[in-house]
């Protein structure tokens, strides 16, 4: 079975992103992008109050005007979130012509990428997609992930990231010992440990693994 969208993680740091449209849908796309340190420009004559808020904080660039062809060609990532089909097509053509990735909201044939349903716990990202065919299912399953990855996973993932760096430094030339350390980390019953111990006590336990991973 051929699939339409390959799941990848893309680094958008300092990349330029254009959002055409200023309604509630555009605001949701801005909310998604704003956590990824990308340079966001919103172009629309009128915009949602959330977009106004982000602009007032200097977190995005807001230009209250109509779209000017072929400006989408100057961006890395383009989202068209308007109810004007002709405008959406123009934005799509301009972006595609320059090789920019484009998403016309709720229009899979005019999407190079789609937004999966995402759950984040610090550096952990769990994303679910239905290839754009049944997004309501993705949203339902994302809610289910809340029970699989409850909030203590935030602290757990910070601990895991720190531990990996310690392991790589301590056993830089011994892959077997590194793998043993990771296995022992995963064998810990983390929920009660995180509830009952402070960071210093947890680090003390991890130090024992680091020093004697055999």
Protein backbone atom coordinates (compact mmCIF):
# COMPACT_ATOMS: atom_id res chain seq x y z
CA UNK A 1 0.00 0.00 0.00
CA UNK A 2 1.43 3.38 -1.00
CA UNK A 3 1.24 6.21 1.54
CA UNK A 4 0.88 9.91 0.82
CA UNK A 5 2.96 11.36 3.65
CA UNK A 6 6.21 10.12 5.15
CA UNK A 7 6.58 11.00 8.85
CA UNK A 8 9.74 13.02 9.44
CA UNK A 9 10.96 15.53 12.02
CA UNK A 10 12.21 18.76 10.47
CA UNK A 11 14.35 21.45 12.10
CA UNK A 12 12.68 24.83 11.49
CA UNK A 13 15.04 26.91 13.64
CA UNK A 14 15.58 30.30 11.97
CA UNK A 15 13.68 29.18 8.87
CA UNK A 16 11.15 31.52 7.29
CA UNK A 17 7.48 30.53 7.38
CA UNK A 18 4.55 32.32 5.75
CA UNK A 19 0.96 31.95 6.93
CA UNK A 20 -1.61 33.43 4.56
CA UNK A 21 -4.91 34.05 6.32
CA UNK A 22 -5.84 35.44 9.71
CA UNK A 23 -8.78 33.45 11.02
CA UNK A 24 -9.06 30.87 13.78
CA UNK A 25 -7.52 28.13 11.63
CA UNK A 26 -4.53 30.32 10.79
CA UNK A 27 -4.17 31.15 14.48
CA UNK A 28 -4.00 27.43 15.33
CA UNK A 29 -1.26 26.90 12.74
CA UNK A 30 0.70 29.83 14.18
CA UNK A 31 0.31 28.33 17.66
CA UNK A 32 1.77 25.08 16.38
CA UNK A 33 4.74 26.72 14.66
CA UNK A 34 5.61 29.25 17.33
CA UNK A 35 7.25 26.70 19.63
CA UNK A 36 9.83 25.73 17.01
CA UNK A 37 11.88 28.94 16.89
CA UNK A 38 10.94 29.63 13.29
CA UNK A 39 10.52 33.09 11.74
CA UNK A 40 6.78 33.43 11.13
CA UNK A 41 5.13 36.03 8.94
CA UNK A 42 1.34 36.29 8.81
CA UNK A 43 -0.29 38.09 5.87
CA UNK A 44 -4.00 38.92 6.07
CA UNK A 45 -6.15 42.08 6.03
CA UNK A 46 -7.84 41.07 9.32
CA UNK A 47 -6.55 38.65 11.93
CA UNK A 48 -7.64 36.65 14.96
CA UNK A 49 -6.90 38.17 18.37
CA UNK A 50 -4.36 35.42 19.11
CA UNK A 51 -2.36 36.44 16.06
CA UNK A 52 -2.55 40.07 17.20
CA UNK A 53 -1.28 38.97 20.60
CA UNK A 54 1.72 37.10 19.22
CA UNK A 55 2.55 40.07 17.01
CA UNK A 56 2.35 42.49 19.95
CA UNK A 57 4.85 40.30 21.81
CA UNK A 58 7.22 40.37 18.83
CA UNK A 59 6.99 36.62 18.37
CA UNK A 60 5.73 36.87 14.79
CA UNK A 61 5.69 39.43 11.99
CA UNK A 62 2.19 40.59 11.08
CA UNK A 63 1.39 42.38 7.82
CA UNK A 64 -2.24 43.44 7.58
CA UNK A 65 -2.72 43.43 3.85
CA UNK A 66 -3.67 41.18 0.96
CA UNK A 67 -1.31 38.53 -0.32
CA UNK A 68 1.04 39.74 -3.07
CA UNK A 69 2.02 37.13 -5.67
CA UNK A 70 4.54 35.56 -5.86
CA UNK A 71 5.78 36.33 -2.30
CA UNK A 72 5.30 32.76 -1.08
CA UNK A 73 8.30 31.83 -3.23
CA UNK A 74 10.59 33.63 -0.78
CA UNK A 75 9.77 31.32 2.15
CA UNK A 76 10.87 27.86 3.27
CA UNK A 77 7.47 26.76 4.57
CA UNK A 78 4.09 28.11 3.48
CA UNK A 79 0.61 27.63 4.91
CA UNK A 80 -2.50 28.97 3.19
CA UNK A 81 -5.47 29.10 5.56
CA UNK A 82 -8.10 31.13 3.75
CA UNK A 83 -11.60 30.37 2.48
CA UNK A 84 -10.74 31.83 -0.94
CA UNK A 85 -10.05 28.92 -3.28
CA UNK A 86 -8.44 31.08 -5.97
CA UNK A 87 -6.11 32.67 -3.41
CA UNK A 88 -5.19 29.29 -1.98
CA UNK A 89 -4.35 28.08 -5.48
CA UNK A 90 -2.20 31.16 -6.11
CA UNK A 91 -0.26 30.63 -2.87
CA UNK A 92 0.16 26.95 -3.69
CA UNK A 93 1.46 27.68 -7.19
CA UNK A 94 3.87 30.36 -5.96
CA UNK A 95 5.30 28.13 -3.24
CA UNK A 96 5.55 25.04 -5.41
CA UNK A 97 7.24 27.01 -8.17
CA UNK A 98 10.14 27.87 -5.86
CA UNK A 99 10.41 24.50 -4.16
CA UNK A 100 8.94 25.70 -0.85
CA UNK A 101 6.90 23.20 1.15
CA UNK A 102 3.25 24.22 1.17
CA UNK A 103 0.11 23.26 3.05
CA UNK A 104 -3.32 24.43 1.96
CA UNK A 105 -5.43 23.73 5.03
CA UNK A 106 -8.01 20.94 4.69
CA UNK A 107 -7.01 20.36 1.06
CA UNK A 108 -4.72 17.29 0.90
CA UNK A 109 -4.16 17.43 -2.90
CA UNK A 110 -2.52 20.81 -2.32
CA UNK A 111 -0.39 19.78 0.65
CA UNK A 112 3.27 18.81 0.60
CA UNK A 113 2.99 18.19 4.33
CA UNK A 114 0.26 17.82 6.91
CA UNK A 115 0.07 18.42 10.65
CA UNK A 116 -0.21 15.24 12.73
CA UNK A 117 -1.92 15.12 16.11
CA UNK A 118 0.97 15.67 18.54
CA UNK A 119 1.63 15.00 22.21
CA UNK A 120 4.83 16.51 23.66
CA UNK A 121 6.60 15.65 26.87
CA UNK A 122 9.75 17.78 26.90
CA UNK A 123 12.00 16.24 24.22
CA UNK A 124 9.58 13.36 23.59
CA UNK A 125 7.20 13.80 20.67
CA UNK A 126 4.43 11.34 19.90
CA UNK A 127 2.67 12.09 16.61
CA UNK A 128 -0.29 10.34 14.96
CA UNK A 129 -1.41 10.79 11.37
CA UNK A 130 -4.02 9.18 9.15
CA UNK A 131 -2.43 10.43 5.90
CA UNK A 132 -4.93 13.28 5.95
CA UNK A 133 -7.82 10.88 5.37
CA UNK A 134 -9.44 10.73 8.84
CA UNK A 135 -7.89 13.42 11.06
CA UNK A 136 -10.67 13.13 13.65
CA UNK A 137 -9.27 9.68 14.49
CA UNK A 138 -5.81 11.16 15.02
CA UNK A 139 -7.26 13.68 17.46
CA UNK A 140 -9.05 10.92 19.38
CA UNK A 141 -5.90 8.81 19.63
CA UNK A 142 -3.85 11.78 20.78
CA UNK A 143 -6.18 12.03 23.79
CA UNK A 144 -5.50 8.35 24.49
CA UNK A 145 -1.77 9.08 24.53
CA UNK A 146 -2.32 11.38 27.50
CA UNK A 147 -2.89 8.29 29.64
CA UNK A 148 0.13 6.46 28.19
CA UNK A 149 2.46 9.41 28.70
CA UNK A 150 1.20 11.28 31.81
CA UNK A 151 2.80 14.51 32.95
CA UNK A 152 5.65 12.90 34.92
CA UNK A 153 7.18 12.04 31.54
CA UNK A 154 8.25 15.68 31.26
CA UNK A 155 10.72 15.20 34.11
CA UNK A 156 11.57 11.68 33.00
CA UNK A 157 12.61 12.84 29.53
CA UNK A 158 14.79 15.62 30.94
CA UNK A 159 16.43 13.00 33.15
CA UNK A 160 16.87 10.61 30.22
CA UNK A 161 18.49 13.27 28.03
CA UNK A 162 20.90 14.23 30.82
CA UNK A 163 21.72 10.59 31.56
CA UNK A 164 22.53 9.87 27.92
CA UNK A 165 25.08 12.67 27.89
CA UNK A 166 26.66 11.35 31.08
CA UNK A 167 26.83 7.83 29.68
CA UNK A 168 28.37 8.98 26.41
CA UNK A 169 31.02 10.93 28.33
CA UNK A 170 31.78 8.21 30.91
CA UNK A 171 31.85 5.29 28.47
CA UNK A 172 32.80 7.02 25.23
CA UNK A 173 34.86 4.07 23.98
CA UNK A 174 32.74 1.20 25.28
CA UNK A 175 29.47 0.67 23.41
CA UNK A 176 28.64 -2.45 25.44
CA UNK A 177 28.72 -0.56 28.74
CA UNK A 178 26.71 2.28 27.21
CA UNK A 179 23.99 -0.16 26.17
CA UNK A 180 23.96 -1.74 29.62
CA UNK A 181 23.51 1.70 31.19
CA UNK A 182 20.57 2.47 28.90
CA UNK A 183 18.98 -0.91 29.62
CA UNK A 184 19.24 -0.39 33.37
CA UNK A 185 17.77 3.07 33.05
CA UNK A 186 14.75 1.65 31.21
CA UNK A 187 14.27 -1.06 33.84
CA UNK A 188 13.70 1.48 36.62
CA UNK A 189 10.14 1.93 37.88
CA UNK A 190 10.20 5.65 37.21
CA UNK A 191 6.76 6.81 38.35
CA UNK A 192 7.27 6.22 42.11
CA UNK A 193 10.91 7.22 41.86
CA UNK A 194 10.00 10.61 40.41
CA UNK A 195 7.26 11.07 42.99
CA UNK A 196 9.40 10.19 46.00
CA UNK A 197 12.90 11.43 45.16
CA UNK A 198 14.40 14.81 44.41
CA UNK A 199 16.84 15.38 41.56
CA UNK A 200 19.93 14.92 43.72
CA UNK A 201 18.71 11.54 45.02
CA UNK A 202 17.84 10.39 41.50
CA UNK A 203 21.28 11.43 40.26
CA UNK A 204 22.86 9.43 43.07
CA UNK A 205 21.04 6.32 41.85
CA UNK A 206 22.06 6.99 38.27
CA UNK A 207 25.68 7.48 39.34
CA UNK A 208 25.66 3.91 40.63
CA UNK A 209 24.65 2.70 37.19
CA UNK A 210 27.29 4.87 35.52
CA UNK A 211 30.10 3.59 37.70
CA UNK A 212 29.14 -0.09 37.65
CA UNK A 213 27.10 -0.93 34.53
CA UNK A 214 28.20 -4.60 34.48
